[in-house]
Amino acid sequence: MKTTMIIKAILVAIAIFGASQSYAASGNDKEYFTNEIMNGDQLESKVVYHMENGLSPYMKYDYGYDDDSRITSVTVCIWDSRKDAWTNSHIITYSYAADKIVMEQATWNPRHKAFDKDVKHYEFDMIPENMPFAYTSR
């Protein structure tokens, strides 16, 4: 039960973060559609398409999990129409302790072909019911 509540809290945080990033990166005048790829009951990948001269790929989210079915990473890719391929944008990693969840975001550096050091760091303190109640960032 506790694991389920943690996963739900993280998924809500991811959804809010992803929606805000998508909305900020683009105008709100486009229609968006998603295709979710499931592996059992876990979301493995989500592809976002938009209507621009037909249905076009826009963003892709790839999810990683630990042995307790908790999300450990979300890799975000953006469609590069010139290369006709997905290009890494950033990665969000999650680590868990008894009383907190740590979320870190690193940006893709194409010159180094790797994710840079963490550029954003968030810590979510958990109350005994495993619900986040406060966060700090650096």
N, C-alpha and C. Protein backbone atom coordinates (compact mmCIF):
# COMPACT_ATOMS: atom_id res chain seq x y z
N MET A 1 0.82 -1.19 0.00
CA MET A 1 0.00 0.00 0.00
C MET A 1 0.87 1.26 0.00
N LYS A 2 1.93 1.24 0.83
CA LYS A 2 2.81 2.41 0.89
C LYS A 2 3.50 2.64 -0.44
N THR A 3 3.95 1.55 -1.07
CA THR A 3 4.61 1.68 -2.38
C THR A 3 3.66 2.26 -3.40
N THR A 4 2.42 1.83 -3.38
CA THR A 4 1.42 2.34 -4.31
C THR A 4 1.22 3.84 -4.13
N MET A 5 1.16 4.29 -2.87
CA MET A 5 0.97 5.73 -2.61
C MET A 5 2.18 6.52 -3.09
N ILE A 6 3.37 5.99 -2.89
CA ILE A 6 4.58 6.68 -3.34
C ILE A 6 4.58 6.78 -4.85
N ILE A 7 4.26 5.67 -5.50
CA ILE A 7 4.25 5.67 -6.97
C ILE A 7 3.23 6.67 -7.49
N LYS A 8 2.04 6.71 -6.87
CA LYS A 8 1.02 7.67 -7.31
C LYS A 8 1.50 9.10 -7.12
N ALA A 9 2.15 9.38 -5.99
CA ALA A 9 2.65 10.73 -5.74
C ALA A 9 3.70 11.12 -6.76
N ILE A 10 4.58 10.18 -7.10
CA ILE A 10 5.63 10.46 -8.08
C ILE A 10 5.03 10.65 -9.46
N LEU A 11 4.08 9.81 -9.83
CA LEU A 11 3.45 9.95 -11.14
C LEU A 11 2.75 11.30 -11.28
N VAL A 12 2.12 11.76 -10.20
CA VAL A 12 1.49 13.09 -10.24
C VAL A 12 2.55 14.16 -10.44
N ALA A 13 3.67 14.04 -9.71
CA ALA A 13 4.76 15.03 -9.87
C ALA A 13 5.31 15.01 -11.28
N ILE A 14 5.47 13.82 -11.84
CA ILE A 14 5.98 13.69 -13.21
C ILE A 14 5.00 14.30 -14.19
N ALA A 15 3.72 14.00 -14.00
CA ALA A 15 2.71 14.52 -14.93
C ALA A 15 2.68 16.04 -14.90
N ILE A 16 2.73 16.61 -13.71
CA ILE A 16 2.71 18.08 -13.59
C ILE A 16 3.97 18.66 -14.22
N PHE A 17 5.12 18.06 -13.93
CA PHE A 17 6.38 18.56 -14.48
C PHE A 17 6.38 18.44 -16.00
N GLY A 18 5.99 17.28 -16.50
CA GLY A 18 5.97 17.06 -17.95
C GLY A 18 5.00 17.98 -18.66
N ALA A 19 3.83 18.17 -18.07
CA ALA A 19 2.84 19.05 -18.69
C ALA A 19 3.34 20.49 -18.72
N SER A 20 3.97 20.92 -17.62
CA SER A 20 4.46 22.30 -17.59
C SER A 20 5.60 22.49 -18.59
N GLN A 21 6.48 21.48 -18.73
CA GLN A 21 7.58 21.58 -19.69
C GLN A 21 7.04 21.60 -21.12
N SER A 22 6.09 20.74 -21.40
CA SER A 22 5.52 20.69 -22.75
C SER A 22 4.78 21.97 -23.08
N TYR A 23 4.01 22.47 -22.13
CA TYR A 23 3.23 23.69 -22.36
C TYR A 23 4.16 24.89 -22.54
N ALA A 24 5.23 24.96 -21.73
CA ALA A 24 6.14 26.08 -21.82
C ALA A 24 6.95 26.04 -23.11
N ALA A 25 7.27 24.85 -23.58
CA ALA A 25 8.11 24.72 -24.77
C ALA A 25 7.35 25.00 -26.05
N SER A 26 6.06 24.96 -25.99
CA SER A 26 5.29 25.15 -27.21
C SER A 26 4.10 26.05 -26.93
N GLY A 27 3.49 26.53 -27.98
CA GLY A 27 2.26 27.29 -27.82
C GLY A 27 1.14 26.35 -27.44
N ASN A 28 0.07 26.90 -26.93
CA ASN A 28 -1.05 26.05 -26.54
C ASN A 28 -2.08 25.97 -27.67
N ASP A 29 -1.68 26.33 -28.90
CA ASP A 29 -2.60 26.33 -30.03
C ASP A 29 -2.58 25.02 -30.81
N LYS A 30 -1.82 24.02 -30.39
CA LYS A 30 -1.73 22.75 -31.09
C LYS A 30 -2.53 21.69 -30.35
N GLU A 31 -2.98 20.71 -31.10
CA GLU A 31 -3.63 19.56 -30.50
C GLU A 31 -2.60 18.49 -30.27
N TYR A 32 -2.63 17.86 -29.08
CA TYR A 32 -1.67 16.83 -28.73
C TYR A 32 -2.37 15.50 -28.51
N PHE A 33 -1.68 14.43 -28.87
CA PHE A 33 -2.17 13.08 -28.69
C PHE A 33 -1.03 12.25 -28.11
N THR A 34 -1.36 11.24 -27.33
CA THR A 34 -0.32 10.40 -26.74
C THR A 34 -0.53 8.93 -27.09
N ASN A 35 0.56 8.21 -27.10
CA ASN A 35 0.56 6.77 -27.26
C ASN A 35 1.40 6.20 -26.13
N GLU A 36 0.77 5.41 -25.26
CA GLU A 36 1.47 4.84 -24.12
C GLU A 36 1.81 3.38 -24.39
N ILE A 37 3.03 3.00 -24.09
CA ILE A 37 3.48 1.62 -24.23
C ILE A 37 3.65 1.05 -22.83
N MET A 38 2.90 0.00 -22.54
CA MET A 38 2.89 -0.59 -21.22
C MET A 38 3.70 -1.88 -21.22
N ASN A 39 4.31 -2.18 -20.08
CA ASN A 39 4.98 -3.45 -19.85
C ASN A 39 4.31 -4.02 -18.60
N GLY A 40 3.29 -4.83 -18.81
CA GLY A 40 2.47 -5.28 -17.69
C GLY A 40 1.68 -4.10 -17.17
N ASP A 41 1.84 -3.78 -15.89
CA ASP A 41 1.13 -2.63 -15.32
C ASP A 41 2.02 -1.40 -15.20
N GLN A 42 3.22 -1.46 -15.78
CA GLN A 42 4.13 -0.32 -15.73
C GLN A 42 4.17 0.41 -17.07
N LEU A 43 4.17 1.74 -16.99
CA LEU A 43 4.32 2.56 -18.18
C LEU A 43 5.78 2.53 -18.61
N GLU A 44 6.04 1.98 -19.78
CA GLU A 44 7.41 1.85 -20.28
C GLU A 44 7.84 3.08 -21.07
N SER A 45 6.91 3.58 -21.90
CA SER A 45 7.23 4.72 -22.76
C SER A 45 5.94 5.45 -23.11
N LYS A 46 6.06 6.75 -23.30
CA LYS A 46 4.92 7.56 -23.73
C LYS A 46 5.41 8.49 -24.83
N VAL A 47 4.73 8.45 -25.97
CA VAL A 47 5.09 9.32 -27.09
C VAL A 47 3.97 10.34 -27.27
N VAL A 48 4.36 11.60 -27.38
CA VAL A 48 3.42 12.69 -27.57
C VAL A 48 3.53 13.14 -29.02
N TYR A 49 2.38 13.24 -29.68
CA TYR A 49 2.30 13.70 -31.07
C TYR A 49 1.51 14.99 -31.10
N HIS A 50 1.76 15.82 -32.10
CA HIS A 50 0.94 17.01 -32.29
C HIS A 50 0.50 17.08 -33.75
N MET A 51 -0.58 17.80 -33.95
CA MET A 51 -1.12 17.98 -35.30
C MET A 51 -0.45 19.18 -35.93
N GLU A 52 0.40 18.92 -36.89
CA GLU A 52 1.05 19.97 -37.67
C GLU A 52 1.30 19.38 -39.05
N ASN A 53 0.44 19.70 -39.98
CA ASN A 53 0.48 19.08 -41.30
C ASN A 53 0.39 17.56 -41.18
N GLY A 54 -0.51 17.11 -40.36
CA GLY A 54 -0.65 15.69 -40.08
C GLY A 54 -0.14 15.40 -38.68
N LEU A 55 -0.20 14.17 -38.28
CA LEU A 55 0.25 13.76 -36.95
C LEU A 55 1.77 13.64 -36.94
N SER A 56 2.44 14.44 -36.11
CA SER A 56 3.90 14.48 -36.07
C SER A 56 4.40 14.14 -34.67
N PRO A 57 5.50 13.36 -34.56
CA PRO A 57 6.09 13.10 -33.24
C PRO A 57 6.55 14.41 -32.62
N TYR A 58 6.48 14.49 -31.30
CA TYR A 58 6.86 15.72 -30.61
C TYR A 58 7.83 15.42 -29.45
N MET A 59 7.37 14.64 -28.47
CA MET A 59 8.20 14.30 -27.32
C MET A 59 8.02 12.82 -26.97
N LYS A 60 9.05 12.27 -26.32
CA LYS A 60 8.96 10.89 -25.87
C LYS A 60 9.51 10.80 -24.45
N TYR A 61 8.82 10.04 -23.61
CA TYR A 61 9.24 9.81 -22.23
C TYR A 61 9.49 8.32 -22.06
N ASP A 62 10.70 7.93 -21.64
CA ASP A 62 11.03 6.54 -21.36
C ASP A 62 11.23 6.40 -19.85
N TYR A 63 10.56 5.40 -19.26
CA TYR A 63 10.54 5.23 -17.81
C TYR A 63 11.38 4.03 -17.39
N GLY A 64 12.11 4.19 -16.28
CA GLY A 64 12.86 3.10 -15.67
C GLY A 64 12.33 2.85 -14.26
N TYR A 65 12.38 1.60 -13.82
CA TYR A 65 11.83 1.21 -12.51
C TYR A 65 12.84 0.39 -11.72
N ASP A 66 12.67 0.36 -10.40
CA ASP A 66 13.49 -0.51 -9.56
C ASP A 66 12.73 -1.80 -9.26
N ASP A 67 13.32 -2.66 -8.44
CA ASP A 67 12.70 -3.95 -8.13
C ASP A 67 11.40 -3.82 -7.35
N ASP A 68 11.18 -2.65 -6.71
CA ASP A 68 9.94 -2.40 -5.97
C ASP A 68 8.89 -1.69 -6.82
N SER A 69 9.10 -1.66 -8.14
CA SER A 69 8.19 -1.02 -9.10
C SER A 69 8.08 0.49 -8.89
N ARG A 70 9.13 1.09 -8.34
CA ARG A 70 9.14 2.54 -8.20
C ARG A 70 9.90 3.14 -9.38
N ILE A 71 9.45 4.29 -9.83
CA ILE A 71 10.13 4.95 -10.94
C ILE A 71 11.51 5.40 -10.49
N THR A 72 12.53 5.07 -11.28
CA THR A 72 13.90 5.50 -10.97
C THR A 72 14.42 6.53 -11.96
N SER A 73 13.82 6.56 -13.16
CA SER A 73 14.27 7.55 -14.15
C SER A 73 13.19 7.80 -15.19
N VAL A 74 13.22 9.00 -15.73
CA VAL A 74 12.40 9.37 -16.87
C VAL A 74 13.34 10.10 -17.83
N THR A 75 13.54 9.51 -19.00
CA THR A 75 14.37 10.13 -20.03
C THR A 75 13.44 10.82 -21.02
N VAL A 76 13.67 12.10 -21.24
CA VAL A 76 12.81 12.89 -22.12
C VAL A 76 13.57 13.16 -23.43
N CYS A 77 12.92 12.84 -24.54
CA CYS A 77 13.51 13.06 -25.87
C CYS A 77 12.59 13.96 -26.68
N ILE A 78 13.17 14.73 -27.57
CA ILE A 78 12.42 15.61 -28.47
C ILE A 78 12.67 15.15 -29.90
N TRP A 79 11.64 15.18 -30.71
CA TRP A 79 11.76 14.74 -32.10
C TRP A 79 12.54 15.77 -32.91
N ASP A 80 13.57 15.32 -33.61
CA ASP A 80 14.35 16.17 -34.50
C ASP A 80 13.95 15.83 -35.93
N SER A 81 13.14 16.68 -36.55
CA SER A 81 12.63 16.37 -37.89
C SER A 81 13.73 16.42 -38.95
N ARG A 82 14.81 17.18 -38.71
CA ARG A 82 15.91 17.20 -39.68
C ARG A 82 16.63 15.86 -39.73
N LYS A 83 16.82 15.26 -38.54
CA LYS A 83 17.50 13.96 -38.47
C LYS A 83 16.51 12.80 -38.57
N ASP A 84 15.22 13.11 -38.45
CA ASP A 84 14.18 12.10 -38.45
C ASP A 84 14.45 11.07 -37.35
N ALA A 85 14.77 11.61 -36.14
CA ALA A 85 15.12 10.74 -35.00
C ALA A 85 14.85 11.47 -33.69
N TRP A 86 14.77 10.69 -32.61
CA TRP A 86 14.62 11.25 -31.28
C TRP A 86 15.97 11.77 -30.80
N THR A 87 15.96 12.94 -30.14
CA THR A 87 17.16 13.54 -29.58
C THR A 87 16.95 13.69 -28.08
N ASN A 88 17.92 13.25 -27.29
CA ASN A 88 17.81 13.39 -25.83
C ASN A 88 17.67 14.86 -25.45
N SER A 89 16.83 15.12 -24.47
CA SER A 89 16.65 16.46 -23.93
C SER A 89 17.16 16.53 -22.50
N HIS A 90 16.58 15.71 -21.62
CA HIS A 90 17.02 15.66 -20.24
C HIS A 90 16.56 14.36 -19.60
N ILE A 91 17.10 14.10 -18.42
CA ILE A 91 16.73 12.91 -17.65
C ILE A 91 16.40 13.35 -16.23
N ILE A 92 15.39 12.73 -15.68
CA ILE A 92 15.00 12.96 -14.30
C ILE A 92 15.21 11.64 -13.57
N THR A 93 16.01 11.67 -12.51
CA THR A 93 16.26 10.46 -11.74
C THR A 93 15.65 10.60 -10.34
N TYR A 94 15.25 9.47 -9.78
CA TYR A 94 14.60 9.44 -8.48
C TYR A 94 15.34 8.48 -7.58
N SER A 95 15.53 8.87 -6.33
CA SER A 95 16.07 7.97 -5.32
C SER A 95 15.17 8.08 -4.09
N TYR A 96 15.13 7.00 -3.33
CA TYR A 96 14.16 6.89 -2.26
C TYR A 96 14.84 6.61 -0.92
N ALA A 97 14.34 7.24 0.11
CA ALA A 97 14.73 6.96 1.49
C ALA A 97 13.43 6.78 2.27
N ALA A 98 13.53 6.42 3.52
CA ALA A 98 12.34 6.15 4.32
C ALA A 98 11.44 7.38 4.44
N ASP A 99 12.04 8.56 4.50
CA ASP A 99 11.24 9.75 4.75
C ASP A 99 11.33 10.81 3.65
N LYS A 100 11.95 10.47 2.52
CA LYS A 100 12.05 11.46 1.45
C LYS A 100 12.28 10.81 0.09
N ILE A 101 11.96 11.58 -0.93
CA ILE A 101 12.24 11.20 -2.30
C ILE A 101 13.11 12.32 -2.89
N VAL A 102 14.19 11.95 -3.54
CA VAL A 102 15.07 12.93 -4.17
C VAL A 102 14.91 12.82 -5.68
N MET A 103 14.66 13.96 -6.31
CA MET A 103 14.48 14.03 -7.75
C MET A 103 15.55 14.96 -8.31
N GLU A 104 16.31 14.48 -9.30
CA GLU A 104 17.36 15.28 -9.91
C GLU A 104 17.19 15.30 -11.42
N GLN A 105 17.44 16.45 -12.00
CA GLN A 105 17.29 16.60 -13.45
C GLN A 105 18.62 17.00 -14.05
N ALA A 106 19.01 16.31 -15.12
CA ALA A 106 20.25 16.62 -15.84
C ALA A 106 19.91 16.84 -17.31
N THR A 107 20.58 17.77 -17.94
CA THR A 107 20.34 18.12 -19.33
C THR A 107 21.33 17.40 -20.24
N TRP A 108 20.86 17.02 -21.42
CA TRP A 108 21.71 16.34 -22.40
C TRP A 108 22.70 17.32 -22.99
N ASN A 109 23.96 16.93 -23.08
CA ASN A 109 24.99 17.75 -23.70
C ASN A 109 25.41 17.05 -24.98
N PRO A 110 24.97 17.53 -26.15
CA PRO A 110 25.29 16.84 -27.40
C PRO A 110 26.78 16.82 -27.73
N ARG A 111 27.51 17.80 -27.24
CA ARG A 111 28.94 17.83 -27.51
C ARG A 111 29.66 16.69 -26.78
N HIS A 112 29.25 16.42 -25.55
CA HIS A 112 29.85 15.33 -24.77
C HIS A 112 29.12 14.00 -24.97
N LYS A 113 27.96 14.06 -25.62
CA LYS A 113 27.11 12.89 -25.82
C LYS A 113 26.80 12.18 -24.51
N ALA A 114 26.46 13.01 -23.51
CA ALA A 114 26.12 12.50 -22.18
C ALA A 114 25.27 13.54 -21.45
N PHE A 115 24.63 13.11 -20.38
CA PHE A 115 23.88 14.06 -19.57
C PHE A 115 24.85 14.80 -18.67
N ASP A 116 24.71 16.13 -18.59
CA ASP A 116 25.56 16.94 -17.73
C ASP A 116 25.25 16.65 -16.26
N LYS A 117 26.06 17.24 -15.41
CA LYS A 117 25.79 17.11 -13.98
C LYS A 117 24.39 17.64 -13.70
N ASP A 118 23.85 17.20 -12.59
CA ASP A 118 22.49 17.60 -12.23
C ASP A 118 22.37 19.12 -12.19
N VAL A 119 21.37 19.62 -12.88
CA VAL A 119 21.16 21.06 -12.90
C VAL A 119 20.05 21.46 -11.95
N LYS A 120 19.18 20.53 -11.63
CA LYS A 120 18.11 20.81 -10.69
C LYS A 120 18.02 19.65 -9.70
N HIS A 121 17.79 19.99 -8.44
CA HIS A 121 17.74 19.00 -7.38
C HIS A 121 16.55 19.33 -6.48
N TYR A 122 15.66 18.36 -6.28
CA TYR A 122 14.49 18.55 -5.44
C TYR A 122 14.44 17.43 -4.41
N GLU A 123 14.07 17.77 -3.18
CA GLU A 123 13.86 16.77 -2.15
C GLU A 123 12.45 16.92 -1.62
N PHE A 124 11.70 15.82 -1.69
CA PHE A 124 10.33 15.80 -1.21
C PHE A 124 10.30 15.07 0.13
N ASP A 125 9.99 15.79 1.21
CA ASP A 125 9.84 15.16 2.52
C ASP A 125 8.48 14.49 2.57
N MET A 126 8.46 13.29 3.17
CA MET A 126 7.23 12.51 3.21
C MET A 126 6.68 12.48 4.64
N ILE A 127 5.36 12.53 4.77
CA ILE A 127 4.73 12.34 6.07
C ILE A 127 4.50 10.84 6.25
N PRO A 128 4.16 10.39 7.45
CA PRO A 128 4.02 8.94 7.68
C PRO A 128 3.06 8.23 6.72
N GLU A 129 2.09 8.91 6.16
CA GLU A 129 1.17 8.28 5.22
C GLU A 129 1.77 8.19 3.82
N ASN A 130 3.08 8.47 3.69
CA ASN A 130 3.82 8.43 2.42
C ASN A 130 3.27 9.40 1.38
N MET A 131 2.90 10.55 1.83
CA MET A 131 2.47 11.61 0.92
C MET A 131 3.46 12.76 1.05
N PRO A 132 3.86 13.36 -0.08
CA PRO A 132 4.79 14.50 0.02
C PRO A 132 4.10 15.69 0.66
N PHE A 133 4.82 16.38 1.54
CA PHE A 133 4.23 17.56 2.16
C PHE A 133 5.10 18.79 2.02
N ALA A 134 6.35 18.63 1.68
CA ALA A 134 7.23 19.80 1.51
C ALA A 134 8.37 19.40 0.59
N TYR A 135 8.91 20.40 -0.09
CA TYR A 135 10.08 20.12 -0.92
C TYR A 135 11.06 21.26 -0.84
N THR A 136 12.31 20.91 -1.08
CA THR A 136 13.37 21.92 -1.17
C THR A 136 14.08 21.71 -2.49
N SER A 137 14.67 22.75 -2.99
CA SER A 137 15.41 22.63 -4.25
C SER A 137 16.73 23.36 -4.13
N ARG A 138 17.63 22.94 -4.98
CA ARG A 138 18.93 23.64 -5.07
C ARG A 138 19.46 23.51 -6.45
